[in-house]
Protein backbone atom coordinates (compact mmCIF):
# COMPACT_ATOMS: atom_id res chain seq x y z
CA MET A 1 22.51 -16.97 11.03
CA ALA A 2 25.50 -16.58 8.71
CA PRO A 3 24.90 -16.31 4.93
CA ASP A 4 27.63 -17.64 2.64
CA SER A 5 28.88 -14.34 1.23
CA LYS A 6 28.74 -10.58 1.56
CA SER A 7 26.30 -10.53 -1.33
CA ASP A 8 24.06 -12.99 0.51
CA VAL A 9 24.17 -10.80 3.61
CA HIS A 10 23.22 -7.69 1.68
CA SER A 11 20.32 -9.56 0.06
CA ALA A 12 19.22 -10.72 3.50
CA ILE A 13 19.45 -7.19 4.89
CA ASP A 14 17.40 -5.82 2.00
CA ALA A 15 14.67 -8.42 2.57
CA ILE A 16 14.68 -7.91 6.34
CA TRP A 17 14.57 -4.14 6.00
CA ARG A 18 11.58 -4.26 3.67
CA MET A 19 9.68 -6.45 6.14
CA GLU A 20 10.74 -4.88 9.41
CA GLN A 21 11.49 -1.20 8.87
CA ALA A 22 7.98 -0.03 9.72
CA LYS A 23 8.08 -1.91 13.04
CA VAL A 24 11.46 -0.41 13.88
CA ILE A 25 10.35 3.12 13.01
CA ALA A 26 7.12 2.69 14.97
CA ALA A 27 8.94 1.39 18.05
CA ILE A 28 11.42 4.27 17.99
CA ALA A 29 8.76 6.88 17.21
CA ARG A 30 6.94 5.84 20.33
CA MET A 31 10.10 6.55 22.32
CA VAL A 32 11.36 9.75 20.71
CA ARG A 33 7.85 11.04 19.87
CA ASP A 34 8.92 12.30 16.48
CA VAL A 35 8.29 10.33 13.29
CA GLY A 36 10.98 12.08 11.23
CA THR A 37 13.63 11.53 13.89
CA ALA A 38 12.55 7.91 14.27
CA GLU A 39 13.02 7.31 10.55
CA GLU A 40 16.50 8.88 10.66
CA LEU A 41 17.49 6.70 13.62
CA ALA A 42 16.15 3.59 11.90
CA GLN A 43 18.23 4.47 8.83
CA ASP A 44 21.28 4.84 11.08
CA ALA A 45 20.61 1.34 12.41
CA LEU A 46 20.37 0.04 8.85
CA VAL A 47 23.77 1.56 8.02
CA MET A 48 25.26 -0.16 11.05
CA ALA A 49 23.68 -3.46 9.98
CA LEU A 50 25.30 -3.09 6.57
CA GLU A 51 28.64 -2.63 8.33
CA ARG A 52 28.34 -5.28 11.04
CA TRP A 53 26.25 -8.15 9.68
CA PRO A 54 28.68 -9.14 6.89
CA ILE A 55 31.26 -9.64 9.67
CA ASP A 56 29.14 -10.92 12.58
CA GLY A 57 26.33 -12.62 10.65
CA VAL A 58 22.64 -11.77 10.60
CA PRO A 59 21.22 -11.90 14.16
CA ASP A 60 18.45 -14.31 15.06
CA ARG A 61 16.09 -11.42 15.80
CA PRO A 62 17.07 -8.75 13.27
CA ALA A 63 14.18 -6.37 13.98
CA ALA A 64 15.04 -6.34 17.69
CA TRP A 65 18.73 -5.74 16.84
CA LEU A 66 17.85 -2.80 14.58
CA THR A 67 15.49 -1.34 17.18
CA GLN A 68 18.09 -1.65 19.92
CA VAL A 69 20.73 0.09 17.81
CA ALA A 70 18.29 2.87 16.87
CA LYS A 71 17.39 3.30 20.53
CA ARG A 72 21.03 3.68 21.51
CA ARG A 73 21.53 6.19 18.71
CA ALA A 74 18.60 8.14 20.16
CA LEU A 75 20.32 8.18 23.54
CA ASP A 76 23.56 9.39 21.98
CA ARG A 77 21.73 12.16 20.18
CA LEU A 78 20.04 13.29 23.38
CA ARG A 79 23.32 13.31 25.27
CA HIS A 80 25.20 15.20 22.58
CA ARG A 81 22.54 17.88 22.43
CA LYS A 82 22.24 17.99 26.22
CA MET A 83 18.50 17.52 25.83
CA ALA A 84 18.05 14.80 28.42
CA ASP A 85 18.87 17.11 31.36
CA LYS A 86 17.00 20.21 30.20
CA LYS A 87 14.47 20.12 27.42
CA HIS A 88 13.32 16.50 27.55
CA PRO A 89 14.10 15.03 30.97
CA GLU A 90 11.19 12.55 30.99
CA LEU A 91 12.09 11.25 27.54
CA GLY A 92 15.74 10.94 28.56
CA ARG A 93 14.86 8.90 31.63
CA GLU A 94 12.56 6.63 29.61
CA LEU A 95 15.26 5.92 27.06
CA GLU A 96 17.88 5.36 29.76
CA GLU A 97 15.64 2.81 31.46
CA GLN A 98 14.96 0.96 28.21
CA GLN A 99 18.45 1.00 26.68
CA ASP A 100 19.21 -2.61 27.68
CA THR A 101 15.76 -3.95 26.83
CA VAL A 102 15.25 -5.97 23.65
CA PRO A 103 11.69 -5.44 22.37
CA ASP A 104 9.42 -8.46 22.06
CA TYR A 105 7.25 -8.12 18.98
CA ASP A 106 5.13 -11.13 19.97
CA THR A 107 3.83 -9.28 23.04
CA ALA A 108 0.84 -6.95 22.78
CA LEU A 109 1.56 -3.30 23.53
CA ASP A 110 -0.28 -1.27 26.09
CA ASP A 111 -2.24 1.06 23.84
CA ASP A 112 -5.89 0.31 23.14
CA VAL A 113 -5.14 -1.46 19.85
CA GLY A 114 -1.97 -3.25 20.85
CA ASP A 115 -0.17 -2.20 17.69
CA GLU A 116 2.61 0.37 17.36
CA LEU A 117 2.23 0.34 13.58
CA LEU A 118 -1.38 1.45 13.85
CA ALA A 119 -0.30 4.21 16.23
CA LEU A 120 2.28 5.27 13.65
CA ILE A 121 -0.38 5.48 10.94
CA PHE A 122 -2.75 7.53 13.08
CA THR A 123 0.07 9.85 14.10
CA ALA A 124 1.14 10.41 10.50
CA CYS A 125 -2.52 11.00 9.57
CA HIS A 126 -2.98 13.81 12.09
CA PRO A 127 -5.26 16.59 10.74
CA VAL A 128 -2.55 19.17 11.40
CA LEU A 129 -1.14 17.98 8.05
CA PRO A 130 -2.81 18.43 4.66
CA ALA A 131 -4.35 15.18 3.40
CA GLU A 132 -1.75 14.57 0.69
CA GLN A 133 1.09 14.96 3.22
CA ARG A 134 -0.53 12.56 5.71
CA ILE A 135 -0.87 9.81 3.17
CA ALA A 136 2.55 10.33 1.61
CA LEU A 137 4.33 10.24 4.97
CA THR A 138 2.51 7.13 6.16
CA LEU A 139 3.26 5.30 2.94
CA ARG A 140 6.90 6.23 3.40
CA VAL A 141 7.36 5.18 7.01
CA MET A 142 4.81 2.36 7.29
CA GLY A 143 4.75 0.88 3.80
CA GLY A 144 8.45 1.38 3.21
CA LEU A 145 7.77 2.72 -0.27
CA THR A 146 10.34 4.90 -1.97
CA THR A 147 9.53 8.49 -2.83
CA ASP A 148 9.35 7.51 -6.49
CA GLU A 149 6.90 4.69 -5.80
CA ILE A 150 4.65 7.01 -3.82
CA ALA A 151 4.83 9.63 -6.54
CA ARG A 152 3.69 7.08 -9.10
CA ALA A 153 0.84 5.99 -6.85
CA PHE A 154 -0.31 9.61 -6.69
CA LEU A 155 0.48 10.35 -10.34
CA VAL A 156 2.65 13.36 -9.40
CA PRO A 157 6.34 14.19 -10.10
CA GLU A 158 8.88 12.74 -7.67
CA PRO A 159 10.23 16.15 -6.48
CA THR A 160 6.69 17.17 -5.55
CA MET A 161 6.28 14.05 -3.45
CA ALA A 162 9.69 14.51 -1.79
CA GLN A 163 8.64 18.00 -0.69
CA ARG A 164 5.39 16.68 0.74
CA ILE A 165 7.19 14.10 2.85
CA VAL A 166 9.73 16.62 4.19
CA ARG A 167 6.98 19.10 5.03
CA ALA A 168 4.92 16.39 6.72
CA LYS A 169 7.78 15.41 9.05
CA ARG A 170 8.45 19.05 9.86
CA GLY A 171 4.75 19.71 10.46
CA LEU A 172 4.40 16.87 12.96
CA ALA A 173 7.56 17.92 14.79
CA ASP A 174 6.61 21.61 14.93
CA SER A 175 3.11 20.79 16.18
CA LYS A 176 4.42 18.27 18.75
CA VAL A 177 1.85 15.69 17.68
CA PRO A 178 1.74 12.88 20.26
CA PHE A 179 2.53 9.36 19.13
CA MET A 180 -0.68 7.51 19.98
CA VAL A 181 -3.92 6.02 18.66
CA PRO A 182 -6.58 8.71 19.23
CA ARG A 183 -9.99 8.07 20.70
CA GLY A 184 -13.51 9.27 19.98
CA MET A 185 -14.00 12.07 17.47
CA ASP A 186 -10.26 12.49 16.91
CA ARG A 187 -10.05 8.91 15.68
CA THR A 188 -13.07 9.35 13.40
CA ALA A 189 -11.60 12.52 11.91
CA ARG A 190 -8.44 10.70 10.85
CA GLN A 191 -10.08 7.48 9.70
CA GLY A 192 -10.50 8.49 6.04
CA SER A 193 -6.79 9.18 5.64
CA VAL A 194 -5.88 5.94 7.41
CA LEU A 195 -8.14 3.94 5.09
CA GLU A 196 -6.64 5.58 2.02
CA VAL A 197 -3.14 4.78 3.25
CA LEU A 198 -3.99 1.12 3.76
CA TYR A 199 -5.67 1.02 0.36
CA LEU A 200 -2.66 2.48 -1.44
CA VAL A 201 -0.20 0.24 0.41
CA PHE A 202 -2.27 -2.81 -0.49
CA ASN A 203 -2.44 -1.71 -4.13
CA GLU A 204 1.34 -1.26 -4.30
CA GLY A 205 1.71 -4.81 -3.01
CA TYR A 206 -0.99 -6.17 -5.31
CA THR A 207 0.57 -4.70 -8.47
CA ALA A 208 4.05 -3.29 -7.85
CA SER A 209 4.62 0.03 -9.57
CA ALA A 210 8.28 -0.76 -10.24
CA GLY A 211 10.85 -3.53 -9.98
CA ASP A 212 11.22 -7.09 -11.21
CA ASP A 213 8.23 -8.64 -9.41
CA TRP A 214 4.58 -8.41 -10.35
CA MET A 215 3.54 -8.43 -6.68
CA ARG A 216 4.97 -7.48 -3.28
CA PRO A 217 2.90 -9.80 -1.05
CA GLN A 218 4.36 -8.51 2.22
CA LEU A 219 2.74 -5.12 1.60
CA CYS A 220 -0.62 -6.78 0.92
CA ASN A 221 -0.30 -8.83 4.08
CA GLU A 222 0.66 -5.82 6.20
CA ALA A 223 -2.19 -3.66 4.89
CA LEU A 224 -4.65 -6.52 5.41
CA ARG A 225 -3.41 -7.19 8.94
CA LEU A 226 -3.74 -3.53 9.90
CA GLY A 227 -7.14 -3.34 8.22
CA ARG A 228 -8.41 -6.26 10.29
CA THR A 229 -7.11 -4.59 13.44
CA LEU A 230 -8.85 -1.33 12.50
CA ALA A 231 -12.11 -3.22 11.87
CA GLU A 232 -11.99 -4.53 15.43
CA LEU A 233 -11.29 -1.02 16.65
CA ALA A 234 -14.14 0.60 14.67
CA PRO A 235 -16.85 -2.11 14.28
CA MET A 236 -19.60 0.41 13.48
CA GLU A 237 -17.82 1.93 10.47
CA PRO A 238 -19.00 0.36 7.18
CA GLU A 239 -16.12 1.76 5.14
CA VAL A 240 -13.60 0.01 7.39
CA HIS A 241 -15.36 -3.31 6.81
CA GLY A 242 -15.66 -2.45 3.12
CA LEU A 243 -11.91 -1.93 2.76
CA VAL A 244 -11.16 -5.14 4.65
CA ALA A 245 -13.63 -6.99 2.40
CA LEU A 246 -11.97 -5.57 -0.71
CA MET A 247 -8.47 -6.53 0.45
CA GLU A 248 -9.54 -10.04 1.54
CA ILE A 249 -11.16 -10.78 -1.82
CA GLN A 250 -8.33 -9.26 -3.85
CA ALA A 251 -5.75 -11.17 -1.78
CA SER A 252 -7.60 -14.41 -2.47
CA ARG A 253 -6.33 -14.27 -6.08
CA THR A 254 -2.63 -14.08 -5.17
CA ALA A 255 -1.67 -17.65 -6.11
CA ALA A 256 -3.47 -17.38 -9.46
CA ARG A 257 -2.05 -13.98 -10.44
CA VAL A 258 1.50 -15.14 -11.10
CA ALA A 259 2.61 -17.96 -13.41
CA ALA A 260 5.34 -20.43 -12.50
CA ASP A 261 7.93 -18.25 -14.25
CA GLY A 262 6.77 -15.12 -12.39
CA ALA A 263 4.84 -13.68 -15.32
CA PRO A 264 1.54 -11.93 -14.52
CA VAL A 265 -1.75 -13.70 -15.21
CA LEU A 266 -4.64 -11.35 -15.96
CA LEU A 267 -7.96 -11.68 -14.14
CA LEU A 268 -9.99 -13.25 -16.93
CA GLU A 269 -7.25 -15.81 -17.60
CA GLN A 270 -6.73 -16.93 -14.00
CA ASN A 271 -7.42 -20.46 -12.78
CA ARG A 272 -10.16 -19.70 -10.26
CA ALA A 273 -9.67 -23.04 -8.57
CA ARG A 274 -6.47 -21.48 -7.18
CA TRP A 275 -8.33 -18.62 -5.54
CA ASP A 276 -8.23 -18.85 -1.74
CA GLN A 277 -11.79 -19.67 -0.73
CA MET A 278 -11.16 -18.92 2.94
CA LEU A 279 -10.14 -15.33 2.10
CA ILE A 280 -13.18 -15.00 -0.16
CA ARG A 281 -15.47 -16.15 2.66
CA ARG A 282 -13.82 -13.68 5.02
CA GLY A 283 -14.23 -10.91 2.49
CA LEU A 284 -17.90 -11.66 1.86
CA ALA A 285 -18.50 -11.80 5.63
CA ALA A 286 -16.85 -8.38 6.04
CA LEU A 287 -19.05 -7.06 3.24
CA GLN A 288 -22.13 -8.39 5.05
CA ARG A 289 -21.04 -6.62 8.23
CA ALA A 290 -20.79 -3.37 6.29
CA ALA A 291 -24.25 -3.84 4.75
CA ALA A 292 -25.80 -4.72 8.12
CA LEU A 293 -24.94 -1.26 9.44
CA GLY A 294 -27.51 0.18 7.05
CA LYS A 295 -25.52 3.21 5.92
CA PRO A 296 -25.04 4.45 2.31
CA SER A 297 -22.28 2.64 0.45
CA GLY A 298 -19.00 4.51 0.27
CA GLN A 299 -16.10 3.97 -2.11
CA TYR A 300 -14.62 0.95 -0.34
CA VAL A 301 -17.92 -0.86 0.08
CA LEU A 302 -18.69 -0.29 -3.62
CA GLN A 303 -15.25 -1.58 -4.67
CA ALA A 304 -15.73 -4.60 -2.41
CA GLU A 305 -19.08 -5.26 -4.10
CA ILE A 306 -17.30 -5.20 -7.45
CA ALA A 307 -14.67 -7.64 -6.20
CA ALA A 308 -17.44 -9.86 -4.82
CA CYS A 309 -19.03 -10.07 -8.29
CA HIS A 310 -15.80 -11.60 -9.56
CA ALA A 311 -15.45 -13.87 -6.53
CA ARG A 312 -18.95 -15.29 -6.94
CA ALA A 313 -18.39 -16.18 -10.62
CA ARG A 314 -17.07 -19.74 -10.89
CA GLN A 315 -15.86 -19.04 -14.44
CA ALA A 316 -14.88 -15.77 -16.07
CA ASP A 317 -17.79 -15.92 -18.52
CA GLU A 318 -20.25 -16.10 -15.60
CA THR A 319 -19.27 -12.65 -14.33
CA ASP A 320 -22.19 -10.24 -13.95
CA TRP A 321 -20.62 -7.37 -15.89
CA GLN A 322 -23.82 -5.34 -16.06
CA ARG A 323 -23.96 -5.22 -12.26
CA ILE A 324 -20.27 -4.31 -12.17
CA ALA A 325 -20.91 -1.49 -14.66
CA LYS A 326 -23.71 -0.16 -12.43
CA LEU A 327 -21.46 -0.35 -9.39
CA TYR A 328 -18.78 1.63 -11.24
CA ASP A 329 -21.41 4.20 -12.19
CA ALA A 330 -22.23 4.56 -8.49
CA LEU A 331 -18.52 4.69 -7.58
CA ALA A 332 -17.97 7.50 -10.09
CA GLU A 333 -20.70 9.47 -8.31
CA VAL A 334 -19.31 8.83 -4.81
CA THR A 335 -15.63 9.39 -5.61
CA PRO A 336 -15.12 10.84 -9.09
CA SER A 337 -11.59 10.50 -10.45
CA PRO A 338 -9.87 9.80 -13.77
CA VAL A 339 -8.77 6.33 -12.59
CA VAL A 340 -12.32 5.41 -11.59
CA GLU A 341 -13.50 6.59 -15.01
CA LEU A 342 -10.92 4.38 -16.70
CA ASN A 343 -12.05 1.34 -14.70
CA ARG A 344 -15.66 2.27 -15.44
CA ALA A 345 -14.82 2.25 -19.14
CA VAL A 346 -13.44 -1.29 -18.84
CA ALA A 347 -16.58 -2.45 -17.05
CA HIS A 348 -18.83 -0.88 -19.69
CA SER A 349 -16.79 -2.50 -22.45
CA MET A 350 -17.33 -5.91 -20.88
CA ALA A 351 -21.04 -5.27 -20.31
CA PHE A 352 -21.96 -3.44 -23.51
CA GLY A 353 -19.11 -4.03 -25.97
CA PRO A 354 -15.66 -2.54 -26.72
CA GLN A 355 -17.05 0.45 -28.61
CA ALA A 356 -19.00 1.54 -25.53
CA GLY A 357 -15.83 1.32 -23.50
CA LEU A 358 -13.75 3.19 -26.06
CA GLN A 359 -16.24 6.06 -26.06
CA LEU A 360 -15.60 6.48 -22.34
CA VAL A 361 -11.82 6.17 -22.72
CA GLU A 362 -11.32 8.74 -25.48
CA PRO A 363 -12.09 11.82 -23.32
CA LEU A 364 -9.55 10.60 -20.76
CA LEU A 365 -6.73 11.07 -23.28
CA GLN A 366 -6.82 14.78 -22.45
CA GLU A 367 -6.83 14.23 -18.68
CA PRO A 368 -3.58 15.71 -17.24
CA ALA A 369 -3.48 13.29 -14.29
CA LEU A 370 -3.35 10.30 -16.65
CA GLN A 371 -0.62 11.51 -18.99
CA ARG A 372 1.98 9.28 -17.28
CA TYR A 373 -0.45 6.52 -16.31
CA HIS A 374 0.45 3.46 -18.36
CA LEU A 375 -2.92 1.75 -17.89
CA LEU A 376 -4.65 4.38 -20.02
CA PRO A 377 -2.89 3.35 -23.28
CA ALA A 378 -3.02 -0.30 -22.14
CA VAL A 379 -6.81 -0.21 -21.77
CA ARG A 380 -7.22 1.71 -25.01
CA ALA A 381 -4.99 -0.84 -26.78
CA ASP A 382 -7.10 -3.73 -25.52
CA LEU A 383 -10.29 -2.11 -26.74
CA LEU A 384 -8.80 -1.26 -30.13
CA ALA A 385 -7.63 -4.87 -30.53
CA LYS A 386 -11.13 -6.16 -29.78
CA LEU A 387 -12.45 -3.83 -32.47
CA GLY A 388 -9.91 -5.20 -34.97
CA ARG A 389 -7.85 -1.99 -35.15
CA MET A 390 -4.62 -3.93 -34.71
CA GLU A 391 -2.03 -1.39 -35.84
CA GLU A 392 -3.41 1.25 -33.49
CA ALA A 393 -3.59 -1.33 -30.71
CA ARG A 394 0.04 -2.35 -31.25
CA ALA A 395 1.20 1.25 -30.99
CA GLU A 396 -0.77 1.77 -27.77
CA PHE A 397 0.55 -1.43 -26.17
CA GLU A 398 4.09 -0.30 -26.99
CA ARG A 399 3.41 3.14 -25.55
CA ALA A 400 2.09 1.56 -22.35
CA ALA A 401 5.16 -0.69 -22.15
CA GLY A 402 7.40 2.35 -22.38
CA MET A 403 5.60 4.01 -19.47
CA THR A 404 5.51 1.20 -16.91
CA ARG A 405 8.47 0.60 -14.59
CA ASN A 406 7.46 -2.92 -13.65
CA GLU A 407 9.53 -5.35 -15.70
CA ARG A 408 6.95 -8.14 -15.63
CA GLU A 409 4.25 -5.80 -16.83
CA ARG A 410 6.48 -4.37 -19.55
CA THR A 411 7.14 -7.87 -20.88
CA LEU A 412 3.43 -8.67 -20.92
CA LEU A 413 2.55 -5.45 -22.77
CA LEU A 414 5.26 -6.01 -25.37
CA GLN A 415 3.98 -9.55 -25.90
CA ARG A 416 0.51 -8.19 -26.51
CA ALA A 417 1.93 -5.60 -28.93
CA LYS A 418 3.69 -8.35 -30.84
CA ALA A 419 0.50 -10.40 -31.02
CA CYS A 420 -1.24 -7.44 -32.67
CA ALA A 421 1.38 -7.42 -35.42
CA ASN A 422 0.87 -11.10 -36.32
C-alpha cells in the first residue's frame, strides 16, 4: 500500500500505531519477558516505520512488520550486551529461532485464553505492584493512552502519573514477573485490577478526554473484546459479566452519540432508533448471567443495571429515574467516590427535581479530587439553568469549557453557555 504523500503516510502510521501497538508490545513482551523493554522495542519499531514507510510504502501487514522489527531489535540488544550466551541463554535461543517468523494474528496462541493482550494485562496487574501502578501501566501499554490521558482519567497531575508508570515497569522487571495469564487464586487476586483497566479504557474510548473527536471507538471495541474473552475465562464471576453488560449496552449507543458533523449528542437527545439492539440484547443477557450467580451486586453489575434502565426505555421520558436514583444510592455504598456522588446527584435531579440534585452537588465543590474535573461545573451549570439561574449557569458552562481538553465537548459547553445568555 502506497499513500500519495509523506503526510498521508504519517497519518496512516498514526492510525495503525493506535490500533496495533498493544498487539506489538504484547507479542514482544512474551518473547523478552519484560513489559518495559517490550514497549521500548515497539517504539524503536515505530521510529523505523516513520523512516522507512514514506520511502517503501505501508506494508500489507503493518502489525507483523512492526513486530518483526521489534523482535530483531531485541536480538541486537541481547547480542550487544552479551546476554544471549550468559545470562539469558534460553531467551536468546528462542529469539534466534523466531527471528525469521512473521506472526499470524489470526491464529490462536497457546496460552489458556489464546490472547497475548490478555496476558499483557494480567502481567501488568501483578500484585507485586501497587494498584494505581498496575492500572496506569496497563492503560499505557494496552490502551495506548498517553501519560496525560491517564492522568486525567485518574484526576491526578501528569508528573505523578509518569512516575507511577516508570516505577511499575521497574517493579515488574526487578521482580521478574512472568509474562502469562495466571490460574486459580492468582487469577482471582488480579481480576479487580484487570476489570478496572478495561473499564477505564472503555471510558476513554466512549468519551475521549482530549483531542478533536468525541469518541475513540477502537478503544471501546478493544475493551469490549477483552471483556468478552475474560467472561469466557471466568464464567462464575458476576462482576466480569456485569462489566461486559455495561460495555455492551453503552456501546449500543455509539451511532446515536455523534451527529453527522461529529458533534456530540447527549443521552436524552439521542435517536434511540439508532441504538444497536443486538448489543443491547447481549448486554441484558450478560446482566442475567451475573444475576443468576446469586451473589451481591458489585459496582459493575450496579452500573450495568443503570445502563439497562436507559436501554429498556423506548423514549427518554419513559426512563425510570427513581430506580436509577436508588441504584446510584446502592453504588455509592459499594464504591464511594466523588465521581459516583456527582452521577448520583444527576440521577436525583432527574427523579426528584433540579434542586434535589443541586443540594448533592454543592458539597462536591470542596472535593479536592474534582477541582480539575470539568463535569462538576458542567453538571452544576445544567442544574442552575433548569432552576432559571441563567447567569450563574452561563459562568459554570464557560468554566467547564475552559477545563475540558476535548474540542467537541468544549464547543458543546460554549454553545450551552451562549444559550443561557439569550
